[in-house]
N, C-alpha and C. Protein backbone atom coordinates (compact mmCIF):
# COMPACT_ATOMS: atom_id res chain seq x y z
N ALA A 1 -19.86 1.78 -69.58
CA ALA A 1 -20.87 1.09 -68.81
C ALA A 1 -21.19 -0.27 -69.45
N THR A 2 -21.14 -0.32 -70.77
CA THR A 2 -21.45 -1.58 -71.46
C THR A 2 -20.42 -2.64 -71.13
N ILE A 3 -19.17 -2.26 -71.11
CA ILE A 3 -18.11 -3.22 -70.82
C ILE A 3 -18.19 -3.69 -69.36
N ALA A 4 -18.50 -2.78 -68.46
CA ALA A 4 -18.65 -3.16 -67.05
C ALA A 4 -19.81 -4.14 -66.88
N MET A 5 -20.91 -3.91 -67.57
CA MET A 5 -22.04 -4.83 -67.49
C MET A 5 -21.71 -6.17 -68.12
N LEU A 6 -20.91 -6.17 -69.18
CA LEU A 6 -20.49 -7.42 -69.81
C LEU A 6 -19.67 -8.25 -68.83
N TYR A 7 -18.71 -7.62 -68.18
CA TYR A 7 -17.88 -8.34 -67.21
C TYR A 7 -18.71 -8.82 -66.02
N PHE A 8 -19.61 -7.98 -65.53
CA PHE A 8 -20.44 -8.37 -64.39
C PHE A 8 -21.34 -9.54 -64.76
N THR A 9 -21.90 -9.51 -65.96
CA THR A 9 -22.77 -10.60 -66.40
C THR A 9 -21.98 -11.90 -66.54
N LEU A 10 -20.80 -11.83 -67.14
CA LEU A 10 -19.96 -13.03 -67.26
C LEU A 10 -19.61 -13.57 -65.88
N PHE A 11 -19.21 -12.69 -65.00
CA PHE A 11 -18.81 -13.08 -63.64
C PHE A 11 -19.98 -13.73 -62.89
N PHE A 12 -21.12 -13.07 -62.89
CA PHE A 12 -22.24 -13.57 -62.09
C PHE A 12 -22.83 -14.85 -62.69
N CYS A 13 -23.03 -14.90 -64.00
CA CYS A 13 -23.61 -16.10 -64.64
C CYS A 13 -22.66 -17.29 -64.51
N GLY A 14 -21.38 -17.06 -64.66
CA GLY A 14 -20.41 -18.15 -64.51
C GLY A 14 -20.37 -18.68 -63.10
N GLY A 15 -20.33 -17.80 -62.12
CA GLY A 15 -20.33 -18.22 -60.73
C GLY A 15 -21.61 -18.93 -60.33
N LEU A 16 -22.73 -18.44 -60.81
CA LEU A 16 -24.01 -19.07 -60.52
C LEU A 16 -24.12 -20.45 -61.15
N ALA A 17 -23.64 -20.59 -62.39
CA ALA A 17 -23.68 -21.88 -63.08
C ALA A 17 -22.83 -22.91 -62.34
N ILE A 18 -21.67 -22.51 -61.91
CA ILE A 18 -20.79 -23.43 -61.17
C ILE A 18 -21.42 -23.80 -59.83
N SER A 19 -22.00 -22.83 -59.15
CA SER A 19 -22.61 -23.08 -57.85
C SER A 19 -23.78 -24.05 -57.95
N VAL A 20 -24.61 -23.86 -58.96
CA VAL A 20 -25.77 -24.74 -59.13
C VAL A 20 -25.32 -26.14 -59.53
N TYR A 21 -24.38 -26.23 -60.45
CA TYR A 21 -23.94 -27.54 -60.94
C TYR A 21 -23.18 -28.33 -59.88
N GLU A 22 -22.32 -27.66 -59.15
CA GLU A 22 -21.46 -28.34 -58.17
C GLU A 22 -22.07 -28.41 -56.78
N GLU A 23 -23.15 -27.66 -56.54
CA GLU A 23 -23.78 -27.56 -55.23
C GLU A 23 -22.78 -27.08 -54.16
N LEU A 24 -22.05 -26.04 -54.52
CA LEU A 24 -21.08 -25.40 -53.64
C LEU A 24 -21.63 -24.05 -53.22
N PRO A 25 -21.10 -23.44 -52.15
CA PRO A 25 -21.56 -22.11 -51.75
C PRO A 25 -21.34 -21.08 -52.87
N LEU A 26 -22.33 -20.22 -53.04
CA LEU A 26 -22.28 -19.23 -54.12
C LEU A 26 -21.08 -18.30 -53.98
N LEU A 27 -20.74 -17.89 -52.79
CA LEU A 27 -19.63 -16.96 -52.58
C LEU A 27 -18.31 -17.55 -53.05
N ASP A 28 -18.08 -18.83 -52.78
CA ASP A 28 -16.85 -19.48 -53.24
C ASP A 28 -16.79 -19.54 -54.76
N CYS A 29 -17.92 -19.85 -55.38
CA CYS A 29 -17.96 -19.95 -56.84
C CYS A 29 -17.82 -18.58 -57.50
N LEU A 30 -18.38 -17.56 -56.87
CA LEU A 30 -18.21 -16.20 -57.40
C LEU A 30 -16.76 -15.75 -57.31
N TYR A 31 -16.08 -16.16 -56.25
CA TYR A 31 -14.66 -15.84 -56.10
C TYR A 31 -13.85 -16.47 -57.23
N GLU A 32 -14.13 -17.74 -57.52
CA GLU A 32 -13.43 -18.44 -58.60
C GLU A 32 -13.74 -17.79 -59.95
N ALA A 33 -15.00 -17.42 -60.17
CA ALA A 33 -15.40 -16.79 -61.43
C ALA A 33 -14.75 -15.41 -61.58
N ALA A 34 -14.70 -14.64 -60.51
CA ALA A 34 -14.07 -13.32 -60.57
C ALA A 34 -12.58 -13.44 -60.86
N SER A 35 -11.96 -14.44 -60.28
CA SER A 35 -10.55 -14.67 -60.54
C SER A 35 -10.31 -15.07 -61.99
N ALA A 36 -11.23 -15.85 -62.54
CA ALA A 36 -11.10 -16.29 -63.93
C ALA A 36 -11.31 -15.13 -64.89
N VAL A 37 -12.35 -14.34 -64.69
CA VAL A 37 -12.63 -13.21 -65.59
C VAL A 37 -11.51 -12.17 -65.50
N GLY A 38 -11.01 -11.95 -64.31
CA GLY A 38 -9.94 -10.98 -64.14
C GLY A 38 -8.57 -11.52 -64.48
N THR A 39 -8.49 -12.80 -64.84
CA THR A 39 -7.23 -13.50 -65.13
C THR A 39 -6.18 -13.22 -64.05
N VAL A 40 -6.61 -13.40 -62.79
CA VAL A 40 -5.77 -13.11 -61.64
C VAL A 40 -4.95 -14.31 -61.22
N GLY A 41 -5.56 -15.50 -61.24
CA GLY A 41 -4.87 -16.71 -60.85
C GLY A 41 -5.06 -17.10 -59.40
N LEU A 42 -5.97 -16.44 -58.70
CA LEU A 42 -6.23 -16.79 -57.31
C LEU A 42 -7.31 -17.87 -57.24
N THR A 43 -7.26 -18.70 -56.22
CA THR A 43 -8.25 -19.76 -56.05
C THR A 43 -8.44 -20.06 -54.57
N LEU A 44 -9.56 -20.65 -54.27
CA LEU A 44 -9.83 -21.11 -52.91
C LEU A 44 -9.49 -22.59 -52.75
N GLY A 45 -8.96 -23.19 -53.79
CA GLY A 45 -8.58 -24.60 -53.75
C GLY A 45 -9.67 -25.55 -54.21
N ILE A 46 -10.78 -25.02 -54.74
CA ILE A 46 -11.85 -25.90 -55.19
C ILE A 46 -11.76 -26.22 -56.67
N THR A 47 -10.94 -25.50 -57.40
CA THR A 47 -10.85 -25.70 -58.85
C THR A 47 -10.43 -27.11 -59.24
N PRO A 48 -9.44 -27.73 -58.61
CA PRO A 48 -9.08 -29.10 -59.02
C PRO A 48 -10.17 -30.13 -58.74
N LYS A 49 -11.08 -29.83 -57.83
CA LYS A 49 -12.13 -30.77 -57.46
C LYS A 49 -13.39 -30.63 -58.32
N LEU A 50 -13.43 -29.62 -59.20
CA LEU A 50 -14.62 -29.36 -60.01
C LEU A 50 -14.75 -30.38 -61.13
N HIS A 51 -15.99 -30.59 -61.54
CA HIS A 51 -16.26 -31.47 -62.68
C HIS A 51 -15.86 -30.77 -63.98
N MET A 52 -15.89 -31.52 -65.07
CA MET A 52 -15.44 -31.00 -66.36
C MET A 52 -16.27 -29.80 -66.81
N PHE A 53 -17.58 -29.83 -66.60
CA PHE A 53 -18.44 -28.70 -67.00
C PHE A 53 -17.99 -27.41 -66.34
N SER A 54 -17.76 -27.45 -65.05
CA SER A 54 -17.36 -26.25 -64.31
C SER A 54 -15.97 -25.78 -64.73
N GLN A 55 -15.08 -26.70 -65.01
CA GLN A 55 -13.76 -26.32 -65.48
C GLN A 55 -13.83 -25.65 -66.85
N ILE A 56 -14.72 -26.14 -67.71
CA ILE A 56 -14.89 -25.52 -69.02
C ILE A 56 -15.47 -24.12 -68.88
N VAL A 57 -16.41 -23.95 -67.95
CA VAL A 57 -16.95 -22.61 -67.68
C VAL A 57 -15.83 -21.67 -67.25
N LEU A 58 -14.95 -22.13 -66.37
CA LEU A 58 -13.83 -21.29 -65.94
C LEU A 58 -12.86 -21.00 -67.08
N ILE A 59 -12.63 -21.97 -67.94
CA ILE A 59 -11.75 -21.76 -69.10
C ILE A 59 -12.33 -20.70 -70.01
N ILE A 60 -13.64 -20.76 -70.27
CA ILE A 60 -14.28 -19.77 -71.13
C ILE A 60 -14.20 -18.38 -70.48
N LEU A 61 -14.42 -18.32 -69.18
CA LEU A 61 -14.32 -17.03 -68.48
C LEU A 61 -12.90 -16.47 -68.56
N MET A 62 -11.90 -17.34 -68.42
CA MET A 62 -10.51 -16.89 -68.54
C MET A 62 -10.22 -16.35 -69.94
N TYR A 63 -10.70 -17.06 -70.93
CA TYR A 63 -10.46 -16.63 -72.32
C TYR A 63 -11.14 -15.29 -72.59
N LEU A 64 -12.41 -15.17 -72.22
CA LEU A 64 -13.13 -13.91 -72.47
C LEU A 64 -12.56 -12.76 -71.66
N GLY A 65 -12.09 -13.05 -70.45
CA GLY A 65 -11.45 -12.01 -69.65
C GLY A 65 -10.13 -11.55 -70.22
N ARG A 66 -9.40 -12.48 -70.84
CA ARG A 66 -8.10 -12.15 -71.42
C ARG A 66 -8.26 -11.36 -72.73
N VAL A 67 -9.23 -11.75 -73.54
CA VAL A 67 -9.45 -11.06 -74.81
C VAL A 67 -9.88 -9.63 -74.54
N GLY A 68 -10.76 -9.44 -73.60
CA GLY A 68 -11.18 -8.08 -73.23
C GLY A 68 -12.54 -7.72 -73.79
N GLY A 69 -13.25 -6.92 -73.02
CA GLY A 69 -14.60 -6.54 -73.39
C GLY A 69 -14.68 -5.67 -74.62
N LEU A 70 -13.78 -4.72 -74.73
CA LEU A 70 -13.80 -3.82 -75.87
C LEU A 70 -13.53 -4.57 -77.17
N THR A 71 -12.61 -5.53 -77.13
CA THR A 71 -12.31 -6.34 -78.30
C THR A 71 -13.51 -7.19 -78.69
N LEU A 72 -14.18 -7.77 -77.71
CA LEU A 72 -15.36 -8.58 -78.00
C LEU A 72 -16.48 -7.75 -78.63
N ILE A 73 -16.72 -6.57 -78.08
CA ILE A 73 -17.77 -5.71 -78.63
C ILE A 73 -17.40 -5.27 -80.04
N TYR A 74 -16.14 -4.91 -80.27
CA TYR A 74 -15.70 -4.49 -81.60
C TYR A 74 -15.84 -5.64 -82.60
N ALA A 75 -15.52 -6.85 -82.20
CA ALA A 75 -15.61 -8.00 -83.10
C ALA A 75 -17.05 -8.30 -83.48
N VAL A 76 -17.97 -8.09 -82.57
CA VAL A 76 -19.38 -8.38 -82.85
C VAL A 76 -20.02 -7.28 -83.68
N LEU A 77 -19.71 -6.04 -83.38
CA LEU A 77 -20.42 -4.93 -84.00
C LEU A 77 -19.78 -4.37 -85.26
N SER A 78 -18.55 -4.67 -85.54
CA SER A 78 -17.89 -4.06 -86.69
C SER A 78 -17.97 -4.95 -87.91
N ASN A 79 -17.82 -4.32 -89.02
CA ASN A 79 -17.75 -5.03 -90.30
C ASN A 79 -16.34 -4.91 -90.86
N ALA A 80 -15.37 -5.16 -90.04
CA ALA A 80 -13.97 -5.02 -90.45
C ALA A 80 -13.64 -6.06 -91.51
N LYS A 81 -12.86 -5.62 -92.48
CA LYS A 81 -12.44 -6.51 -93.57
C LYS A 81 -10.92 -6.47 -93.67
N LEU A 82 -10.37 -7.52 -94.17
CA LEU A 82 -8.93 -7.57 -94.36
C LEU A 82 -8.54 -6.65 -95.52
N PRO A 83 -7.36 -6.07 -95.48
CA PRO A 83 -6.92 -5.20 -96.59
C PRO A 83 -6.71 -6.01 -97.85
N LEU A 84 -6.98 -5.37 -98.99
CA LEU A 84 -6.86 -6.06 -100.27
C LEU A 84 -5.51 -5.80 -100.94
N GLU A 85 -4.82 -4.75 -100.53
CA GLU A 85 -3.54 -4.40 -101.16
C GLU A 85 -2.44 -5.36 -100.71
N LYS A 86 -1.48 -5.54 -101.60
CA LYS A 86 -0.30 -6.30 -101.26
C LYS A 86 0.78 -5.31 -100.85
N ILE A 87 1.30 -5.45 -99.65
CA ILE A 87 2.29 -4.51 -99.13
C ILE A 87 3.66 -5.10 -99.39
N THR A 88 4.52 -4.31 -100.04
CA THR A 88 5.88 -4.75 -100.30
C THR A 88 6.77 -4.36 -99.13
N VAL A 89 7.45 -5.34 -98.60
CA VAL A 89 8.34 -5.10 -97.47
C VAL A 89 9.76 -5.38 -97.92
N GLY A 90 10.64 -4.44 -97.68
CA GLY A 90 12.06 -4.66 -97.96
C GLY A 90 12.53 -4.12 -99.27
């Protein structure tokens, strides 16, 4: 449920930010944001016309969607450390 809420929050906040900044219909911006978070590659053709801010929002959504929710949560909540041993190979 946490990962689903993370994706929904990214999707909705990104689409809303683009819609407010660009003054475009919310449904079109949500479609672009969903495509970015899902790393699908679909567009309504408005992406090339967006300003730099909106394109950066889409880039961040693409990156976070590609990395994955579970990886993001693990990176934030864990205290993982690199191994100290030297591994001999060969």
